[in-house]
Amino acid sequence: MTIKHYFAILVLLGFIACEGPSPVVEVKPASDSLIASQKRYDSIQRATDSLAIKVYVDKTGKITANGQLVSLITLDSSFSKLKTIKGAVYYSRDNVQQDPPEESMKVMELIIKYELPVRFYTDKTFTQVANPK
């Protein structure tokens, strides 16, 4: 900002101050607001996570859903139920720089079959969201 900008702001504030007393507005301290915002975010994230199945496919083609080893048949049934509750799939696979195992493609086919929203991750712990290029 230049000096002209600062001067304009001061003049504007002077005009506002001349209008008389403004109504008293209670403002919460920033720390309370930040804590409340973080609690809301955490609550939304827990709700979102509870409506998601975290699917991981390792380099040998083993599929886990929410940490449990599953078959494609079980995953198909789980995705069917997930669609009814409007859930989502969090998906990650091992060794993303190489071609995926066949099971990975079959998981993608199930996601498409049930038209489920999917969020891609780059790690087994589902903490690093994949960035589209």
C-alpha atoms as a PDB file:
ATOM      1  CA  MET A   1       0.000   0.000   0.000  1.00  0.00           C
ATOM      2  CA  THR A   2       1.128   3.515  -0.713  1.00  0.00           C
ATOM      3  CA  ILE A   3       0.872   6.530   1.549  1.00  0.00           C
ATOM      4  CA  LYS A   4      -2.149   7.685  -0.477  1.00  0.00           C
ATOM      5  CA  HIS A   5      -3.956   4.445   0.399  1.00  0.00           C
ATOM      6  CA  TYR A   6      -3.184   4.826   4.114  1.00  0.00           C
ATOM      7  CA  PHE A   7      -4.329   8.455   4.029  1.00  0.00           C
ATOM      8  CA  ALA A   8      -7.599   7.486   2.276  1.00  0.00           C
ATOM      9  CA  ILE A   9      -8.267   4.818   4.895  1.00  0.00           C
ATOM     10  CA  LEU A  10      -7.618   7.308   7.716  1.00  0.00           C
ATOM     11  CA  VAL A  11      -9.969   9.869   6.152  1.00  0.00           C
ATOM     12  CA  LEU A  12     -12.659   7.219   5.699  1.00  0.00           C
ATOM     13  CA  LEU A  13     -12.284   6.092   9.301  1.00  0.00           C
ATOM     14  CA  GLY A  14     -12.545   9.722  10.400  1.00  0.00           C
ATOM     15  CA  PHE A  15     -15.892  10.096   8.589  1.00  0.00           C
ATOM     16  CA  ILE A  16     -17.199   6.909  10.120  1.00  0.00           C
ATOM     17  CA  ALA A  17     -16.146   8.058  13.580  1.00  0.00           C
ATOM     18  CA  CYS A  18     -18.020  11.369  13.099  1.00  0.00           C
ATOM     19  CA  GLU A  19     -21.327   9.584  12.529  1.00  0.00           C
ATOM     20  CA  GLY A  20     -21.736   8.970  16.229  1.00  0.00           C
ATOM     21  CA  PRO A  21     -21.470   5.929  18.387  1.00  0.00           C
ATOM     22  CA  SER A  22     -21.869   2.611  16.640  1.00  0.00           C
ATOM     23  CA  PRO A  23     -23.842  -0.223  18.173  1.00  0.00           C
ATOM     24  CA  VAL A  24     -21.929  -2.520  20.478  1.00  0.00           C
ATOM     25  CA  VAL A  25     -21.104  -5.786  18.809  1.00  0.00           C
ATOM     26  CA  GLU A  26     -19.740  -8.637  20.843  1.00  0.00           C
ATOM     27  CA  VAL A  27     -16.784 -10.205  19.135  1.00  0.00           C
ATOM     28  CA  LYS A  28     -15.457 -13.519  20.349  1.00  0.00           C
ATOM     29  CA  PRO A  29     -11.712 -13.766  20.767  1.00  0.00           C
ATOM     30  CA  ALA A  30      -9.983 -15.204  17.732  1.00  0.00           C
ATOM     31  CA  SER A  31      -8.893 -18.280  19.630  1.00  0.00           C
ATOM     32  CA  ASP A  32     -12.520 -19.217  20.455  1.00  0.00           C
ATOM     33  CA  SER A  33     -13.565 -18.726  16.837  1.00  0.00           C
ATOM     34  CA  LEU A  34     -10.659 -20.791  15.565  1.00  0.00           C
ATOM     35  CA  ILE A  35     -11.378 -23.575  18.044  1.00  0.00           C
ATOM     36  CA  ALA A  36     -15.060 -23.606  17.061  1.00  0.00           C
ATOM     37  CA  SER A  37     -14.144 -23.680  13.361  1.00  0.00           C
ATOM     38  CA  GLN A  38     -11.719 -26.537  13.905  1.00  0.00           C
ATOM     39  CA  LYS A  39     -14.347 -28.502  15.859  1.00  0.00           C
ATOM     40  CA  ARG A  40     -16.863 -28.014  13.034  1.00  0.00           C
ATOM     41  CA  TYR A  41     -14.271 -29.095  10.471  1.00  0.00           C
ATOM     42  CA  ASP A  42     -13.353 -32.177  12.534  1.00  0.00           C
ATOM     43  CA  SER A  43     -17.027 -33.063  12.899  1.00  0.00           C
ATOM     44  CA  ILE A  44     -17.628 -32.737   9.147  1.00  0.00           C
ATOM     45  CA  GLN A  45     -14.486 -34.764   8.407  1.00  0.00           C
ATOM     46  CA  ARG A  46     -15.599 -37.578  10.764  1.00  0.00           C
ATOM     47  CA  ALA A  47     -19.042 -37.620   9.124  1.00  0.00           C
ATOM     48  CA  THR A  48     -17.455 -37.679   5.673  1.00  0.00           C
ATOM     49  CA  ASP A  49     -15.069 -40.466   6.673  1.00  0.00           C
ATOM     50  CA  SER A  50     -17.931 -42.496   8.126  1.00  0.00           C
ATOM     51  CA  LEU A  51     -19.635 -42.383   4.714  1.00  0.00           C
ATOM     52  CA  ALA A  52     -16.521 -43.533   2.869  1.00  0.00           C
ATOM     53  CA  ILE A  53     -14.824 -46.834   2.217  1.00  0.00           C
ATOM     54  CA  LYS A  54     -11.042 -46.596   2.067  1.00  0.00           C
ATOM     55  CA  VAL A  55      -9.866 -49.026  -0.606  1.00  0.00           C
ATOM     56  CA  TYR A  56      -6.201 -49.878  -1.000  1.00  0.00           C
ATOM     57  CA  VAL A  57      -4.758 -52.220  -3.624  1.00  0.00           C
ATOM     58  CA  ASP A  58      -1.211 -53.436  -3.068  1.00  0.00           C
ATOM     59  CA  LYS A  59       1.263 -54.293  -5.835  1.00  0.00           C
ATOM     60  CA  THR A  60       0.304 -57.994  -5.731  1.00  0.00           C
ATOM     61  CA  GLY A  61      -3.401 -57.176  -6.177  1.00  0.00           C
ATOM     62  CA  LYS A  62      -4.553 -57.710  -2.584  1.00  0.00           C
ATOM     63  CA  ILE A  63      -7.501 -55.430  -1.827  1.00  0.00           C
ATOM     64  CA  THR A  64      -8.253 -53.960   1.574  1.00  0.00           C
ATOM     65  CA  ALA A  65     -11.335 -51.982   2.509  1.00  0.00           C
ATOM     66  CA  ASN A  66     -11.030 -49.931   5.681  1.00  0.00           C
ATOM     67  CA  GLY A  67      -7.966 -51.996   6.579  1.00  0.00           C
ATOM     68  CA  GLN A  68      -9.593 -55.415   6.119  1.00  0.00           C
ATOM     69  CA  LEU A  69      -8.640 -57.850   3.346  1.00  0.00           C
ATOM     70  CA  VAL A  70     -11.675 -58.236   1.034  1.00  0.00           C
ATOM     71  CA  SER A  71     -12.663 -59.987  -2.167  1.00  0.00           C
ATOM     72  CA  LEU A  72     -14.121 -58.224  -5.187  1.00  0.00           C
ATOM     73  CA  ILE A  73     -17.481 -59.879  -4.407  1.00  0.00           C
ATOM     74  CA  THR A  74     -17.475 -58.400  -0.895  1.00  0.00           C
ATOM     75  CA  LEU A  75     -16.393 -55.035  -2.253  1.00  0.00           C
ATOM     76  CA  ASP A  76     -19.217 -55.141  -4.823  1.00  0.00           C
ATOM     77  CA  SER A  77     -21.745 -55.684  -2.028  1.00  0.00           C
ATOM     78  CA  SER A  78     -20.174 -52.921   0.091  1.00  0.00           C
ATOM     79  CA  PHE A  79     -20.267 -50.466  -2.812  1.00  0.00           C
ATOM     80  CA  SER A  80     -23.928 -51.290  -3.416  1.00  0.00           C
ATOM     81  CA  LYS A  81     -24.728 -50.374   0.190  1.00  0.00           C
ATOM     82  CA  LEU A  82     -22.477 -47.322  -0.023  1.00  0.00           C
ATOM     83  CA  LYS A  83     -24.456 -46.007  -2.980  1.00  0.00           C
ATOM     84  CA  THR A  84     -27.723 -46.178  -0.993  1.00  0.00           C
ATOM     85  CA  ILE A  85     -26.277 -43.951   1.737  1.00  0.00           C
ATOM     86  CA  LYS A  86     -24.661 -41.611  -0.802  1.00  0.00           C
ATOM     87  CA  GLY A  87     -21.163 -42.486   0.358  1.00  0.00           C
ATOM     88  CA  ALA A  88     -17.816 -42.190  -1.380  1.00  0.00           C
ATOM     89  CA  VAL A  89     -14.714 -44.229  -2.055  1.00  0.00           C
ATOM     90  CA  TYR A  90     -11.258 -43.180  -0.943  1.00  0.00           C
ATOM     91  CA  TYR A  91      -8.865 -45.039  -3.228  1.00  0.00           C
ATOM     92  CA  SER A  92      -5.145 -45.620  -3.167  1.00  0.00           C
ATOM     93  CA  ARG A  93      -2.806 -48.200  -4.609  1.00  0.00           C
ATOM     94  CA  ASP A  94       0.749 -49.284  -4.181  1.00  0.00           C
ATOM     95  CA  ASN A  95       3.438 -48.231  -6.628  1.00  0.00           C
ATOM     96  CA  VAL A  96       1.483 -45.594  -8.557  1.00  0.00           C
ATOM     97  CA  GLN A  97       4.368 -45.000 -10.982  1.00  0.00           C
ATOM     98  CA  GLN A  98       3.901 -48.453 -12.524  1.00  0.00           C
ATOM     99  CA  ASP A  99       0.971 -50.112 -14.255  1.00  0.00           C
ATOM    100  CA  PRO A 100      -1.776 -51.081 -11.801  1.00  0.00           C
ATOM    101  CA  PRO A 101      -2.531 -54.724 -11.024  1.00  0.00           C
ATOM    102  CA  GLU A 102      -5.633 -56.212 -12.665  1.00  0.00           C
ATOM    103  CA  GLU A 103      -7.537 -56.001  -9.359  1.00  0.00           C
ATOM    104  CA  SER A 104      -7.045 -52.251  -9.308  1.00  0.00           C
ATOM    105  CA  MET A 105      -8.854 -51.941 -12.614  1.00  0.00           C
ATOM    106  CA  LYS A 106     -11.659 -54.184 -11.329  1.00  0.00           C
ATOM    107  CA  VAL A 107     -12.082 -51.891  -8.315  1.00  0.00           C
ATOM    108  CA  MET A 108     -12.363 -48.941 -10.720  1.00  0.00           C
ATOM    109  CA  GLU A 109     -15.022 -50.828 -12.688  1.00  0.00           C
ATOM    110  CA  LEU A 110     -17.045 -51.297  -9.480  1.00  0.00           C
ATOM    111  CA  ILE A 111     -16.730 -47.603  -8.640  1.00  0.00           C
ATOM    112  CA  ILE A 112     -18.050 -46.774 -12.100  1.00  0.00           C
ATOM    113  CA  LYS A 113     -20.782 -49.437 -11.869  1.00  0.00           C
ATOM    114  CA  TYR A 114     -22.222 -47.793  -8.751  1.00  0.00           C
ATOM    115  CA  GLU A 115     -21.400 -44.247  -9.883  1.00  0.00           C
ATOM    116  CA  LEU A 116     -19.654 -43.522  -6.606  1.00  0.00           C
ATOM    117  CA  PRO A 117     -17.655 -40.371  -6.019  1.00  0.00           C
ATOM    118  CA  VAL A 118     -13.997 -41.184  -5.517  1.00  0.00           C
ATOM    119  CA  ARG A 119     -11.098 -39.347  -3.922  1.00  0.00           C
ATOM    120  CA  PHE A 120      -7.641 -40.540  -4.873  1.00  0.00           C
ATOM    121  CA  TYR A 121      -4.783 -40.792  -2.388  1.00  0.00           C
ATOM    122  CA  THR A 122      -1.102 -41.497  -2.869  1.00  0.00           C
ATOM    123  CA  ASP A 123      -0.485 -43.426   0.329  1.00  0.00           C
ATOM    124  CA  LYS A 124      -1.762 -46.414   2.283  1.00  0.00           C
ATOM    125  CA  THR A 125      -2.776 -44.233   5.248  1.00  0.00           C
ATOM    126  CA  PHE A 126      -5.066 -42.003   3.145  1.00  0.00           C
ATOM    127  CA  THR A 127      -3.469 -38.797   4.337  1.00  0.00           C
ATOM    128  CA  GLN A 128      -1.955 -37.533   1.070  1.00  0.00           C
ATOM    129  CA  VAL A 129      -4.621 -36.536  -1.460  1.00  0.00           C
ATOM    130  CA  ALA A 130      -3.459 -37.082  -5.030  1.00  0.00           C
ATOM    131  CA  ASN A 131      -3.044 -33.887  -7.037  1.00  0.00           C
ATOM    132  CA  PRO A 132      -4.410 -34.063 -10.569  1.00  0.00           C
ATOM    133  CA  LYS A 133      -1.859 -33.039 -13.182  1.00  0.00           C
END
